[in-house]
Amino acid sequence: MRKKEREDKPVFITDSKSKAADEANRLAKEAGTIAIIHSEHGKIEEQNNYEK
């Protein structure tokens, strides 16, 4: 699942965490922002900065 920060509705849903992370990274790169990947418990596992 992929959500925008401070939003409840997901933007992208998949059964694979790696697919969700790939999509989050792709969208963040396009938007020039940061992709933050969380564990199922909400802990930040990965943070990728694509800011221009």
C-alpha atoms as a PDB file:
ATOM      1  CA  MET A   1       0.000   0.000   0.000  1.00  0.00           C
ATOM      2  CA  ARG A   2       1.205   3.509  -0.758  1.00  0.00           C
ATOM      3  CA  LYS A   3      -0.261   6.643   0.848  1.00  0.00           C
ATOM      4  CA  LYS A   4       0.468  10.322   0.638  1.00  0.00           C
ATOM      5  CA  GLU A   5       1.590  11.885   3.894  1.00  0.00           C
ATOM      6  CA  ARG A   6      -1.286  12.937   6.185  1.00  0.00           C
ATOM      7  CA  GLU A   7      -3.870  11.107   4.049  1.00  0.00           C
ATOM      8  CA  ASP A   8      -5.880   8.036   4.985  1.00  0.00           C
ATOM      9  CA  LYS A   9      -6.679   6.709   1.514  1.00  0.00           C
ATOM     10  CA  PRO A  10      -3.955   4.747  -0.286  1.00  0.00           C
ATOM     11  CA  VAL A  11      -2.802   5.890  -3.711  1.00  0.00           C
ATOM     12  CA  PHE A  12      -1.499   2.452  -4.708  1.00  0.00           C
ATOM     13  CA  ILE A  13      -2.325  -1.009  -3.323  1.00  0.00           C
ATOM     14  CA  THR A  14      -0.365  -4.215  -3.936  1.00  0.00           C
ATOM     15  CA  ASP A  15       0.273  -7.485  -2.137  1.00  0.00           C
ATOM     16  CA  SER A  16       4.044  -6.980  -2.390  1.00  0.00           C
ATOM     17  CA  LYS A  17       6.038  -4.573  -0.247  1.00  0.00           C
ATOM     18  CA  SER A  18       8.787  -4.374  -2.861  1.00  0.00           C
ATOM     19  CA  LYS A  19       6.262  -3.368  -5.562  1.00  0.00           C
ATOM     20  CA  ALA A  20       4.827  -0.707  -3.252  1.00  0.00           C
ATOM     21  CA  ALA A  21       8.326   0.606  -2.468  1.00  0.00           C
ATOM     22  CA  ASP A  22       9.236   0.659  -6.165  1.00  0.00           C
ATOM     23  CA  GLU A  23       6.080   2.634  -6.972  1.00  0.00           C
ATOM     24  CA  ALA A  24       6.665   5.058  -4.072  1.00  0.00           C
ATOM     25  CA  ASN A  25      10.234   5.652  -5.265  1.00  0.00           C
ATOM     26  CA  ARG A  26       9.104   6.147  -8.867  1.00  0.00           C
ATOM     27  CA  LEU A  27       6.428   8.678  -7.879  1.00  0.00           C
ATOM     28  CA  ALA A  28       8.761  10.513  -5.497  1.00  0.00           C
ATOM     29  CA  LYS A  29      11.428  10.745  -8.201  1.00  0.00           C
ATOM     30  CA  GLU A  30       8.888  12.156 -10.691  1.00  0.00           C
ATOM     31  CA  ALA A  31       7.640  14.690  -8.127  1.00  0.00           C
ATOM     32  CA  GLY A  32      11.092  15.631  -6.819  1.00  0.00           C
ATOM     33  CA  THR A  33      10.248  14.697  -3.247  1.00  0.00           C
ATOM     34  CA  ILE A  34      11.115  12.037  -0.635  1.00  0.00           C
ATOM     35  CA  ALA A  35       9.947   8.405  -0.538  1.00  0.00           C
ATOM     36  CA  ILE A  36       9.682   7.065   3.009  1.00  0.00           C
ATOM     37  CA  ILE A  37       9.223   3.295   3.351  1.00  0.00           C
ATOM     38  CA  HIS A  38       7.765   2.048   6.652  1.00  0.00           C
ATOM     39  CA  SER A  39       7.630  -1.366   8.278  1.00  0.00           C
ATOM     40  CA  GLU A  40       4.261  -2.926   9.021  1.00  0.00           C
ATOM     41  CA  HIS A  41       4.621  -1.436  12.521  1.00  0.00           C
ATOM     42  CA  GLY A  42       5.158   2.107  11.240  1.00  0.00           C
ATOM     43  CA  LYS A  43       8.927   2.343  11.780  1.00  0.00           C
ATOM     44  CA  ILE A  44      10.869   4.048   8.977  1.00  0.00           C
ATOM     45  CA  GLU A  45      12.986   1.436   7.183  1.00  0.00           C
ATOM     46  CA  GLU A  46      14.170   3.410   4.170  1.00  0.00           C
ATOM     47  CA  GLN A  47      14.180   7.038   3.094  1.00  0.00           C
ATOM     48  CA  ASN A  48      15.087   8.088  -0.449  1.00  0.00           C
ATOM     49  CA  ASN A  49      15.511  11.771  -1.275  1.00  0.00           C
ATOM     50  CA  TYR A  50      14.722  12.806  -4.841  1.00  0.00           C
ATOM     51  CA  GLU A  51      14.368  16.521  -4.116  1.00  0.00           C
ATOM     52  CA  LYS A  52      15.655  18.702  -6.915  1.00  0.00           C
END
